[in-house]
C-alpha atoms as a PDB file:
ATOM      1  CA  UNK A   1      21.708-113.511 -70.647  1.00  0.00           C
ATOM      2  CA  UNK A   2      20.928-116.901 -69.246  1.00  0.00           C
ATOM      3  CA  UNK A   3      22.797-119.661 -71.051  1.00  0.00           C
ATOM      4  CA  UNK A   4      19.968-122.192 -70.680  1.00  0.00           C
ATOM      5  CA  UNK A   5      16.220-122.068 -71.078  1.00  0.00           C
ATOM      6  CA  UNK A   6      14.001-124.229 -68.847  1.00  0.00           C
ATOM      7  CA  UNK A   7      10.886-125.812 -70.351  1.00  0.00           C
ATOM      8  CA  UNK A   8       8.104-126.711 -68.044  1.00  0.00           C
ATOM      9  CA  UNK A   9       5.015-128.863 -69.035  1.00  0.00           C
ATOM     10  CA  UNK A  10       2.453-130.539 -66.943  1.00  0.00           C
ATOM     11  CA  UNK A  11       1.795-133.215 -69.516  1.00  0.00           C
ATOM     12  CA  UNK A  12       4.181-135.989 -70.692  1.00  0.00           C
ATOM     13  CA  UNK A  13       7.172-134.469 -72.695  1.00  0.00           C
ATOM     14  CA  UNK A  14       7.772-135.897 -76.081  1.00  0.00           C
ATOM     15  CA  UNK A  15       9.491-134.660 -79.248  1.00  0.00           C
ATOM     16  CA  UNK A  16       7.714-134.257 -82.534  1.00  0.00           C
ATOM     17  CA  UNK A  17       7.979-137.270 -84.841  1.00  0.00           C
ATOM     18  CA  UNK A  18       9.813-139.340 -82.221  1.00  0.00           C
ATOM     19  CA  UNK A  19       8.516-141.615 -79.512  1.00  0.00           C
ATOM     20  CA  UNK A  20       9.733-141.066 -76.002  1.00  0.00           C
ATOM     21  CA  UNK A  21      10.667-144.756 -75.553  1.00  0.00           C
ATOM     22  CA  UNK A  22      13.312-144.362 -78.268  1.00  0.00           C
ATOM     23  CA  UNK A  23      15.401-142.072 -76.187  1.00  0.00           C
ATOM     24  CA  UNK A  24      18.671-143.591 -74.944  1.00  0.00           C
ATOM     25  CA  UNK A  25      19.054-142.899 -71.170  1.00  0.00           C
ATOM     26  CA  UNK A  26      22.656-143.356 -69.927  1.00  0.00           C
ATOM     27  CA  UNK A  27      21.628-142.144 -66.436  1.00  0.00           C
ATOM     28  CA  UNK A  28      18.467-142.294 -64.251  1.00  0.00           C
ATOM     29  CA  UNK A  29      18.127-141.646 -60.542  1.00  0.00           C
ATOM     30  CA  UNK A  30      15.282-141.100 -58.087  1.00  0.00           C
ATOM     31  CA  UNK A  31      15.038-139.591 -54.557  1.00  0.00           C
ATOM     32  CA  UNK A  32      11.910-139.527 -52.367  1.00  0.00           C
ATOM     33  CA  UNK A  33      12.949-136.153 -50.807  1.00  0.00           C
ATOM     34  CA  UNK A  34      13.117-133.507 -53.531  1.00  0.00           C
ATOM     35  CA  UNK A  35      14.015-130.751 -51.027  1.00  0.00           C
ATOM     36  CA  UNK A  36      17.199-132.645 -49.929  1.00  0.00           C
ATOM     37  CA  UNK A  37      18.332-132.869 -53.601  1.00  0.00           C
ATOM     38  CA  UNK A  38      17.657-129.089 -53.855  1.00  0.00           C
ATOM     39  CA  UNK A  39      19.740-128.396 -50.740  1.00  0.00           C
ATOM     40  CA  UNK A  40      22.688-130.430 -52.092  1.00  0.00           C
ATOM     41  CA  UNK A  41      22.669-128.382 -55.409  1.00  0.00           C
ATOM     42  CA  UNK A  42      22.491-125.180 -53.188  1.00  0.00           C
ATOM     43  CA  UNK A  43      25.506-126.259 -51.291  1.00  0.00           C
ATOM     44  CA  UNK A  44      27.500-126.677 -54.534  1.00  0.00           C
ATOM     45  CA  UNK A  45      26.097-123.339 -55.901  1.00  0.00           C
ATOM     46  CA  UNK A  46      27.783-121.413 -52.995  1.00  0.00           C
ATOM     47  CA  UNK A  47      31.025-121.413 -55.140  1.00  0.00           C
ATOM     48  CA  UNK A  48      30.172-122.267 -58.744  1.00  0.00           C
ATOM     49  CA  UNK A  49      27.269-121.514 -61.115  1.00  0.00           C
ATOM     50  CA  UNK A  50      28.164-124.214 -63.733  1.00  0.00           C
ATOM     51  CA  UNK A  51      29.636-127.608 -62.827  1.00  0.00           C
ATOM     52  CA  UNK A  52      30.797-130.771 -64.425  1.00  0.00           C
ATOM     53  CA  UNK A  53      29.009-133.733 -62.807  1.00  0.00           C
ATOM     54  CA  UNK A  54      30.245-137.309 -63.405  1.00  0.00           C
ATOM     55  CA  UNK A  55      27.431-139.812 -63.143  1.00  0.00           C
ATOM     56  CA  UNK A  56      28.865-143.279 -62.948  1.00  0.00           C
ATOM     57  CA  UNK A  57      27.945-146.806 -61.800  1.00  0.00           C
ATOM     58  CA  UNK A  58      28.943-145.938 -58.109  1.00  0.00           C
ATOM     59  CA  UNK A  59      27.111-142.560 -57.975  1.00  0.00           C
ATOM     60  CA  UNK A  60      27.467-138.862 -58.740  1.00  0.00           C
ATOM     61  CA  UNK A  61      30.785-137.010 -58.223  1.00  0.00           C
ATOM     62  CA  UNK A  62      31.908-133.361 -58.682  1.00  0.00           C
ATOM     63  CA  UNK A  63      35.224-131.559 -57.969  1.00  0.00           C
ATOM     64  CA  UNK A  64      35.472-127.990 -59.119  1.00  0.00           C
ATOM     65  CA  UNK A  65      37.249-124.771 -58.417  1.00  0.00           C
ATOM     66  CA  UNK A  66      35.536-121.363 -58.113  1.00  0.00           C
ATOM     67  CA  UNK A  67      36.394-118.904 -60.944  1.00  0.00           C
ATOM     68  CA  UNK A  68      38.973-117.147 -58.881  1.00  0.00           C
ATOM     69  CA  UNK A  69      40.650-120.474 -57.887  1.00  0.00           C
ATOM     70  CA  UNK A  70      40.467-119.444 -54.194  1.00  0.00           C
ATOM     71  CA  UNK A  71      38.106-122.168 -53.188  1.00  0.00           C
ATOM     72  CA  UNK A  72      37.080-125.652 -54.253  1.00  0.00           C
ATOM     73  CA  UNK A  73      34.139-127.956 -53.745  1.00  0.00           C
ATOM     74  CA  UNK A  74      34.359-131.774 -53.616  1.00  0.00           C
ATOM     75  CA  UNK A  75      31.060-133.527 -53.704  1.00  0.00           C
ATOM     76  CA  UNK A  76      29.984-137.199 -53.897  1.00  0.00           C
ATOM     77  CA  UNK A  77      26.459-138.753 -53.626  1.00  0.00           C
ATOM     78  CA  UNK A  78      26.809-142.556 -53.850  1.00  0.00           C
ATOM     79  CA  UNK A  79      24.182-144.700 -55.518  1.00  0.00           C
ATOM     80  CA  UNK A  80      23.156-146.120 -52.154  1.00  0.00           C
ATOM     81  CA  UNK A  81      21.941-142.556 -51.155  1.00  0.00           C
ATOM     82  CA  UNK A  82      19.356-142.609 -53.960  1.00  0.00           C
ATOM     83  CA  UNK A  83      16.104-144.500 -53.772  1.00  0.00           C
ATOM     84  CA  UNK A  84      16.792-145.928 -57.258  1.00  0.00           C
ATOM     85  CA  UNK A  85      19.854-145.550 -59.404  1.00  0.00           C
ATOM     86  CA  UNK A  86      20.892-146.653 -62.883  1.00  0.00           C
ATOM     87  CA  UNK A  87      24.096-145.833 -64.725  1.00  0.00           C
ATOM     88  CA  UNK A  88      26.107-148.241 -66.911  1.00  0.00           C
ATOM     89  CA  UNK A  89      29.086-145.985 -67.619  1.00  0.00           C
ATOM     90  CA  UNK A  90      30.616-142.658 -66.562  1.00  0.00           C
ATOM     91  CA  UNK A  91      28.679-139.855 -68.048  1.00  0.00           C
ATOM     92  CA  UNK A  92      29.988-136.321 -67.755  1.00  0.00           C
ATOM     93  CA  UNK A  93      27.308-133.682 -67.512  1.00  0.00           C
ATOM     94  CA  UNK A  94      27.985-129.962 -67.368  1.00  0.00           C
ATOM     95  CA  UNK A  95      25.030-128.197 -65.898  1.00  0.00           C
ATOM     96  CA  UNK A  96      24.035-124.666 -64.799  1.00  0.00           C
ATOM     97  CA  UNK A  97      23.445-125.097 -61.069  1.00  0.00           C
ATOM     98  CA  UNK A  98      21.924-121.688 -60.779  1.00  0.00           C
ATOM     99  CA  UNK A  99      19.226-122.554 -63.334  1.00  0.00           C
ATOM    100  CA  UNK A 100      18.530-125.878 -61.685  1.00  0.00           C
ATOM    101  CA  UNK A 101      17.979-124.167 -58.409  1.00  0.00           C
ATOM    102  CA  UNK A 102      15.449-121.763 -60.004  1.00  0.00           C
ATOM    103  CA  UNK A 103      13.677-124.764 -61.417  1.00  0.00           C
ATOM    104  CA  UNK A 104      13.515-126.552 -58.044  1.00  0.00           C
ATOM    105  CA  UNK A 105      12.853-123.435 -55.948  1.00  0.00           C
ATOM    106  CA  UNK A 106       9.407-124.598 -54.836  1.00  0.00           C
ATOM    107  CA  UNK A 107      10.195-128.250 -54.155  1.00  0.00           C
ATOM    108  CA  UNK A 108       8.959-129.917 -50.935  1.00  0.00           C
ATOM    109  CA  UNK A 109      10.131-132.688 -48.733  1.00  0.00           C
ATOM    110  CA  UNK A 110       7.168-134.834 -49.489  1.00  0.00           C
ATOM    111  CA  UNK A 111       7.802-134.604 -53.270  1.00  0.00           C
ATOM    112  CA  UNK A 112       9.927-137.209 -55.113  1.00  0.00           C
ATOM    113  CA  UNK A 113      12.342-136.413 -57.851  1.00  0.00           C
ATOM    114  CA  UNK A 114      13.408-138.309 -60.866  1.00  0.00           C
ATOM    115  CA  UNK A 115      16.424-137.180 -62.941  1.00  0.00           C
ATOM    116  CA  UNK A 116      17.030-138.811 -66.357  1.00  0.00           C
ATOM    117  CA  UNK A 117      19.709-137.873 -68.871  1.00  0.00           C
ATOM    118  CA  UNK A 118      18.635-138.164 -72.487  1.00  0.00           C
ATOM    119  CA  UNK A 119      21.849-138.954 -74.339  1.00  0.00           C
ATOM    120  CA  UNK A 120      20.266-138.562 -77.814  1.00  0.00           C
ATOM    121  CA  UNK A 121      19.254-134.874 -77.184  1.00  0.00           C
ATOM    122  CA  UNK A 122      21.947-134.196 -74.469  1.00  0.00           C
ATOM    123  CA  UNK A 123      19.087-132.905 -72.176  1.00  0.00           C
ATOM    124  CA  UNK A 124      18.250-133.520 -68.597  1.00  0.00           C
ATOM    125  CA  UNK A 125      14.685-134.514 -67.795  1.00  0.00           C
ATOM    126  CA  UNK A 126      13.463-133.880 -64.264  1.00  0.00           C
ATOM    127  CA  UNK A 127      10.140-135.001 -62.841  1.00  0.00           C
ATOM    128  CA  UNK A 128       8.726-133.848 -59.525  1.00  0.00           C
ATOM    129  CA  UNK A 129       5.911-136.047 -58.150  1.00  0.00           C
ATOM    130  CA  UNK A 130       3.366-135.423 -55.261  1.00  0.00           C
ATOM    131  CA  UNK A 131      -0.344-134.469 -55.718  1.00  0.00           C
ATOM    132  CA  UNK A 132       0.589-133.170 -59.150  1.00  0.00           C
ATOM    133  CA  UNK A 133       3.396-134.195 -61.596  1.00  0.00           C
ATOM    134  CA  UNK A 134       5.739-131.496 -62.794  1.00  0.00           C
ATOM    135  CA  UNK A 135       8.202-132.123 -65.641  1.00  0.00           C
ATOM    136  CA  UNK A 136      11.111-129.958 -66.686  1.00  0.00           C
ATOM    137  CA  UNK A 137      13.697-130.227 -69.407  1.00  0.00           C
ATOM    138  CA  UNK A 138      17.022-128.418 -69.390  1.00  0.00           C
ATOM    139  CA  UNK A 139      19.981-128.767 -71.965  1.00  0.00           C
ATOM    140  CA  UNK A 140      23.376-129.795 -70.834  1.00  0.00           C
ATOM    141  CA  UNK A 141      26.493-127.827 -71.660  1.00  0.00           C
ATOM    142  CA  UNK A 142      29.777-128.764 -73.214  1.00  0.00           C
ATOM    143  CA  UNK A 143      31.823-130.506 -70.511  1.00  0.00           C
ATOM    144  CA  UNK A 144      35.178-128.921 -69.459  1.00  0.00           C
ATOM    145  CA  UNK A 145      38.351-130.810 -70.014  1.00  0.00           C
ATOM    146  CA  UNK A 146      39.914-129.412 -66.939  1.00  0.00           C
ATOM    147  CA  UNK A 147      40.713-131.998 -64.206  1.00  0.00           C
ATOM    148  CA  UNK A 148      40.895-130.704 -60.683  1.00  0.00           C
ATOM    149  CA  UNK A 149      43.243-132.770 -58.409  1.00  0.00           C
ATOM    150  CA  UNK A 150      42.711-133.312 -54.661  1.00  0.00           C
ATOM    151  CA  UNK A 151      44.775-130.750 -52.762  1.00  0.00           C
ATOM    152  CA  UNK A 152      47.591-132.277 -50.762  1.00  0.00           C
ATOM    153  CA  UNK A 153      47.648-130.112 -47.557  1.00  0.00           C
ATOM    154  CA  UNK A 154      48.967-131.064 -44.163  1.00  0.00           C
ATOM    155  CA  UNK A 155      46.534-130.344 -41.249  1.00  0.00           C
ATOM    156  CA  UNK A 156      47.733-129.907 -37.728  1.00  0.00           C
ATOM    157  CA  UNK A 157      44.322-128.960 -36.162  1.00  0.00           C
ATOM    158  CA  UNK A 158      40.784-130.398 -36.412  1.00  0.00           C
ATOM    159  CA  UNK A 159      37.556-129.138 -34.927  1.00  0.00           C
ATOM    160  CA  UNK A 160      34.297-130.922 -35.082  1.00  0.00           C
ATOM    161  CA  UNK A 161      31.201-129.089 -34.152  1.00  0.00           C
ATOM    162  CA  UNK A 162      27.531-128.642 -34.958  1.00  0.00           C
ATOM    163  CA  UNK A 163      26.779-126.929 -38.122  1.00  0.00           C
ATOM    164  CA  UNK A 164      24.307-124.710 -36.541  1.00  0.00           C
ATOM    165  CA  UNK A 165      26.829-123.432 -33.978  1.00  0.00           C
ATOM    166  CA  UNK A 166      29.375-122.851 -36.732  1.00  0.00           C
ATOM    167  CA  UNK A 167      26.899-120.807 -38.763  1.00  0.00           C
ATOM    168  CA  UNK A 168      26.068-118.623 -35.741  1.00  0.00           C
ATOM    169  CA  UNK A 169      29.807-118.051 -35.129  1.00  0.00           C
ATOM    170  CA  UNK A 170      30.455-117.167 -38.736  1.00  0.00           C
ATOM    171  CA  UNK A 171      27.382-114.861 -38.954  1.00  0.00           C
ATOM    172  CA  UNK A 172      28.639-112.949 -35.859  1.00  0.00           C
ATOM    173  CA  UNK A 173      32.089-112.463 -37.262  1.00  0.00           C
ATOM    174  CA  UNK A 174      30.756-111.413 -40.729  1.00  0.00           C
ATOM    175  CA  UNK A 175      28.689-108.677 -39.042  1.00  0.00           C
ATOM    176  CA  UNK A 176      31.965-107.098 -37.904  1.00  0.00           C
ATOM    177  CA  UNK A 177      34.669-107.854 -40.457  1.00  0.00           C
ATOM    178  CA  UNK A 178      35.481-109.161 -43.874  1.00  0.00           C
ATOM    179  CA  UNK A 179      37.990-111.618 -42.497  1.00  0.00           C
ATOM    180  CA  UNK A 180      37.999-114.038 -39.600  1.00  0.00           C
ATOM    181  CA  UNK A 181      40.940-115.561 -37.694  1.00  0.00           C
ATOM    182  CA  UNK A 182      40.754-119.120 -36.517  1.00  0.00           C
ATOM    183  CA  UNK A 183      42.874-120.593 -33.706  1.00  0.00           C
ATOM    184  CA  UNK A 184      43.123-123.997 -32.145  1.00  0.00           C
ATOM    185  CA  UNK A 185      44.850-124.612 -28.892  1.00  0.00           C
ATOM    186  CA  UNK A 186      45.084-127.944 -27.145  1.00  0.00           C
ATOM    187  CA  UNK A 187      41.817-127.433 -25.305  1.00  0.00           C
ATOM    188  CA  UNK A 188      40.144-124.535 -27.024  1.00  0.00           C
ATOM    189  CA  UNK A 189      38.763-123.172 -30.336  1.00  0.00           C
ATOM    190  CA  UNK A 190      39.102-119.446 -30.805  1.00  0.00           C
ATOM    191  CA  UNK A 191      37.472-117.216 -33.402  1.00  0.00           C
ATOM    192  CA  UNK A 192      38.509-113.485 -33.806  1.00  0.00           C
ATOM    193  CA  UNK A 193      37.058-110.879 -36.013  1.00  0.00           C
ATOM    194  CA  UNK A 194      38.243-107.202 -36.026  1.00  0.00           C
ATOM    195  CA  UNK A 195      36.559-104.295 -37.990  1.00  0.00           C
ATOM    196  CA  UNK A 196      37.123-100.591 -37.994  1.00  0.00           C
ATOM    197  CA  UNK A 197      34.957 -99.879 -35.025  1.00  0.00           C
ATOM    198  CA  UNK A 198      34.245-103.212 -33.283  1.00  0.00           C
ATOM    199  CA  UNK A 199      35.789-106.615 -32.667  1.00  0.00           C
ATOM    200  CA  UNK A 200      34.596-109.966 -31.570  1.00  0.00           C
ATOM    201  CA  UNK A 201      36.220-112.808 -29.709  1.00  0.00           C
ATOM    202  CA  UNK A 202      34.429-116.209 -29.433  1.00  0.00           C
ATOM    203  CA  UNK A 203      36.034-119.037 -27.335  1.00  0.00           C
ATOM    204  CA  UNK A 204      34.786-122.619 -27.030  1.00  0.00           C
ATOM    205  CA  UNK A 205      36.416-125.025 -24.658  1.00  0.00           C
ATOM    206  CA  UNK A 206      36.930-128.726 -25.543  1.00  0.00           C
ATOM    207  CA  UNK A 207      34.075-130.653 -24.138  1.00  0.00           C
ATOM    208  CA  UNK A 208      31.442-127.850 -24.569  1.00  0.00           C
ATOM    209  CA  UNK A 209      28.098-128.638 -26.157  1.00  0.00           C
ATOM    210  CA  UNK A 210      29.098-127.034 -29.366  1.00  0.00           C
ATOM    211  CA  UNK A 211      32.451-128.825 -29.740  1.00  0.00           C
ATOM    212  CA  UNK A 212      32.013-132.461 -30.683  1.00  0.00           C
ATOM    213  CA  UNK A 213      35.777-133.096 -31.024  1.00  0.00           C
ATOM    214  CA  UNK A 214      39.075-131.082 -30.979  1.00  0.00           C
ATOM    215  CA  UNK A 215      42.455-132.309 -32.017  1.00  0.00           C
ATOM    216  CA  UNK A 216      45.882-130.550 -32.259  1.00  0.00           C
ATOM    217  CA  UNK A 217      48.798-132.445 -33.610  1.00  0.00           C
ATOM    218  CA  UNK A 218      52.442-132.411 -32.535  1.00  0.00           C
ATOM    219  CA  UNK A 219      55.016-130.934 -34.883  1.00  0.00           C
ATOM    220  CA  UNK A 220      57.846-133.468 -35.232  1.00  0.00           C
ATOM    221  CA  UNK A 221      61.329-132.455 -36.415  1.00  0.00           C
ATOM    222  CA  UNK A 222      64.356-134.749 -36.712  1.00  0.00           C
ATOM    223  CA  UNK A 223      67.890-133.170 -37.165  1.00  0.00           C
ATOM    224  CA  UNK A 224      69.405-136.630 -38.206  1.00  0.00           C
ATOM    225  CA  UNK A 225      67.390-136.854 -41.502  1.00  0.00           C
ATOM    226  CA  UNK A 226      65.783-133.397 -41.588  1.00  0.00           C
ATOM    227  CA  UNK A 227      62.407-134.884 -41.350  1.00  0.00           C
ATOM    228  CA  UNK A 228      59.424-132.573 -40.534  1.00  0.00           C
ATOM    229  CA  UNK A 229      55.859-133.688 -40.069  1.00  0.00           C
ATOM    230  CA  UNK A 230      53.063-133.996 -37.610  1.00  0.00           C
ATOM    231  CA  UNK A 231      51.601-136.604 -35.372  1.00  0.00           C
ATOM    232  CA  UNK A 232      48.409-136.934 -33.346  1.00  0.00           C
ATOM    233  CA  UNK A 233      50.359-138.314 -30.367  1.00  0.00           C
ATOM    234  CA  UNK A 234      53.846-137.761 -28.875  1.00  0.00           C
ATOM    235  CA  UNK A 235      56.537-139.886 -30.594  1.00  0.00           C
ATOM    236  CA  UNK A 236      59.873-141.296 -29.247  1.00  0.00           C
ATOM    237  CA  UNK A 237      61.561-141.912 -32.628  1.00  0.00           C
ATOM    238  CA  UNK A 238      61.545-140.371 -36.032  1.00  0.00           C
ATOM    239  CA  UNK A 239      59.101-142.080 -38.234  1.00  0.00           C
ATOM    240  CA  UNK A 240      61.565-141.752 -41.180  1.00  0.00           C
ATOM    241  CA  UNK A 241      64.956-142.810 -39.794  1.00  0.00           C
ATOM    242  CA  UNK A 242      64.076-144.068 -36.291  1.00  0.00           C
ATOM    243  CA  UNK A 243      66.458-141.615 -34.605  1.00  0.00           C
ATOM    244  CA  UNK A 244      65.661-140.841 -30.960  1.00  0.00           C
ATOM    245  CA  UNK A 245      66.876-137.227 -31.354  1.00  0.00           C
ATOM    246  CA  UNK A 246      63.456-135.897 -32.461  1.00  0.00           C
ATOM    247  CA  UNK A 247      61.956-132.703 -31.114  1.00  0.00           C
ATOM    248  CA  UNK A 248      58.243-132.205 -30.756  1.00  0.00           C
ATOM    249  CA  UNK A 249      56.066-129.224 -30.076  1.00  0.00           C
ATOM    250  CA  UNK A 250      52.302-128.781 -29.849  1.00  0.00           C
ATOM    251  CA  UNK A 251      51.903-125.205 -31.233  1.00  0.00           C
ATOM    252  CA  UNK A 252      48.558-123.542 -31.762  1.00  0.00           C
ATOM    253  CA  UNK A 253      47.303-123.460 -35.387  1.00  0.00           C
ATOM    254  CA  UNK A 254      46.324-119.983 -36.539  1.00  0.00           C
ATOM    255  CA  UNK A 255      44.949-118.805 -39.941  1.00  0.00           C
ATOM    256  CA  UNK A 256      42.876-116.113 -41.405  1.00  0.00           C
ATOM    257  CA  UNK A 257      40.208-116.647 -44.042  1.00  0.00           C
ATOM    258  CA  UNK A 258      37.944-114.344 -46.211  1.00  0.00           C
ATOM    259  CA  UNK A 259      34.388-114.274 -44.701  1.00  0.00           C
ATOM    260  CA  UNK A 260      32.722-113.745 -48.072  1.00  0.00           C
ATOM    261  CA  UNK A 261      33.781-117.168 -49.179  1.00  0.00           C
ATOM    262  CA  UNK A 262      33.732-118.833 -45.830  1.00  0.00           C
ATOM    263  CA  UNK A 263      30.232-117.404 -45.034  1.00  0.00           C
ATOM    264  CA  UNK A 264      28.789-118.652 -48.290  1.00  0.00           C
ATOM    265  CA  UNK A 265      30.288-122.089 -47.740  1.00  0.00           C
ATOM    266  CA  UNK A 266      29.101-122.541 -44.089  1.00  0.00           C
ATOM    267  CA  UNK A 267      25.566-121.215 -44.860  1.00  0.00           C
ATOM    268  CA  UNK A 268      25.259-123.559 -47.815  1.00  0.00           C
ATOM    269  CA  UNK A 269      26.777-126.661 -46.113  1.00  0.00           C
ATOM    270  CA  UNK A 270      24.687-126.194 -42.979  1.00  0.00           C
ATOM    271  CA  UNK A 271      21.521-126.385 -45.031  1.00  0.00           C
ATOM    272  CA  UNK A 272      22.402-129.997 -45.999  1.00  0.00           C
ATOM    273  CA  UNK A 273      24.178-131.239 -42.886  1.00  0.00           C
ATOM    274  CA  UNK A 274      24.047-131.009 -39.044  1.00  0.00           C
ATOM    275  CA  UNK A 275      27.758-131.645 -38.406  1.00  0.00           C
ATOM    276  CA  UNK A 276      30.908-129.852 -39.800  1.00  0.00           C
ATOM    277  CA  UNK A 277      34.604-130.396 -39.313  1.00  0.00           C
ATOM    278  CA  UNK A 278      37.347-127.808 -39.758  1.00  0.00           C
ATOM    279  CA  UNK A 279      40.913-128.827 -40.572  1.00  0.00           C
ATOM    280  CA  UNK A 280      43.777-126.420 -41.079  1.00  0.00           C
ATOM    281  CA  UNK A 281      47.462-125.446 -40.138  1.00  0.00           C
ATOM    282  CA  UNK A 282      49.092-122.031 -39.504  1.00  0.00           C
ATOM    283  CA  UNK A 283      48.628-119.930 -42.675  1.00  0.00           C
ATOM    284  CA  UNK A 284      47.473-122.914 -44.787  1.00  0.00           C
ATOM    285  CA  UNK A 285      44.245-123.681 -46.657  1.00  0.00           C
ATOM    286  CA  UNK A 286      41.228-124.907 -44.607  1.00  0.00           C
ATOM    287  CA  UNK A 287      39.272-127.959 -45.309  1.00  0.00           C
ATOM    288  CA  UNK A 288      35.560-127.700 -44.334  1.00  0.00           C
ATOM    289  CA  UNK A 289      33.701-130.974 -44.376  1.00  0.00           C
ATOM    290  CA  UNK A 290      30.020-131.531 -43.721  1.00  0.00           C
ATOM    291  CA  UNK A 291      28.796-135.000 -42.651  1.00  0.00           C
ATOM    292  CA  UNK A 292      26.490-136.498 -45.132  1.00  0.00           C
ATOM    293  CA  UNK A 293      24.280-139.691 -44.968  1.00  0.00           C
ATOM    294  CA  UNK A 294      24.915-142.947 -46.849  1.00  0.00           C
ATOM    295  CA  UNK A 295      28.720-142.271 -47.099  1.00  0.00           C
ATOM    296  CA  UNK A 296      28.072-139.123 -49.118  1.00  0.00           C
ATOM    297  CA  UNK A 297      30.811-136.312 -49.123  1.00  0.00           C
ATOM    298  CA  UNK A 298      30.593-132.613 -49.104  1.00  0.00           C
ATOM    299  CA  UNK A 299      33.788-130.731 -48.444  1.00  0.00           C
ATOM    300  CA  UNK A 300      35.447-127.413 -49.375  1.00  0.00           C
ATOM    301  CA  UNK A 301      38.886-126.130 -49.501  1.00  0.00           C
ATOM    302  CA  UNK A 302      39.645-122.391 -48.990  1.00  0.00           C
ATOM    303  CA  UNK A 303      42.918-120.582 -49.416  1.00  0.00           C
ATOM    304  CA  UNK A 304      44.127-118.522 -46.418  1.00  0.00           C
ATOM    305  CA  UNK A 305      44.439-114.693 -46.352  1.00  0.00           C
ATOM    306  CA  UNK A 306      48.090-114.208 -45.487  1.00  0.00           C
ATOM    307  CA  UNK A 307      48.386-111.248 -43.101  1.00  0.00           C
ATOM    308  CA  UNK A 308      51.299-108.817 -43.554  1.00  0.00           C
ATOM    309  CA  UNK A 309      53.553-108.500 -40.580  1.00  0.00           C
END
């Protein structure tokens, strides 16, 4: 059963016995491109159906885990990315993203969208304007008290490429297997997928049209103080104790990820961005970040699938 009901009216929406002007709006924002707003929600919905948004003076933020706690989405849309934005204090709104997407299914780029939170009734008012004006009301849900921290994960490899190329690569891998192995060498990005009957090997050299940037860090170890870390460039001394007895290796980064999750993330993110970055280390979570305009942020973390020896 749906947890929310959407009300749609072509006329001005008011409540019986109460003037619309009496409502206390804690948050109001407008965008001239309603389809972009819908695509941003679509990127979030790839992992979660309900989400806690925080609308504050600096913009809208969201950080949430998927129900299985295998993946996380971190989203920020600053006030400068809106055409108009008003918020005097942090307001936490729990919304059904899936229901919002149903409501915005037929939005067009030439439509503008206005989103207003009615604090008195705890409802979200959405207005779409073009040749006609469409107004929707949807109730908010009880916010969660769970706080999701930012993962602290060291990354030794980074690949920046076009989102369209990344989507094609993942689609090819998903046609063969449920998992994909990503590898980064000093001058190459490698993707492997192996199924019961078929396998795929995709290689992209640094400097190719699809690869915008590729970095592989050096692994630094110091026997004097037992320091272990990474560096983008060779080092002559330990960054912790300054000993010159350091050893450094530039080993390829390799990790395997579930394509059901990764495929959903890539397809959703590529709908809202043209450039993506992958960061990971051997058998560690991957960070997938999509470049957004106006200093916006859309990134995901996905846990690795540890292969048995």
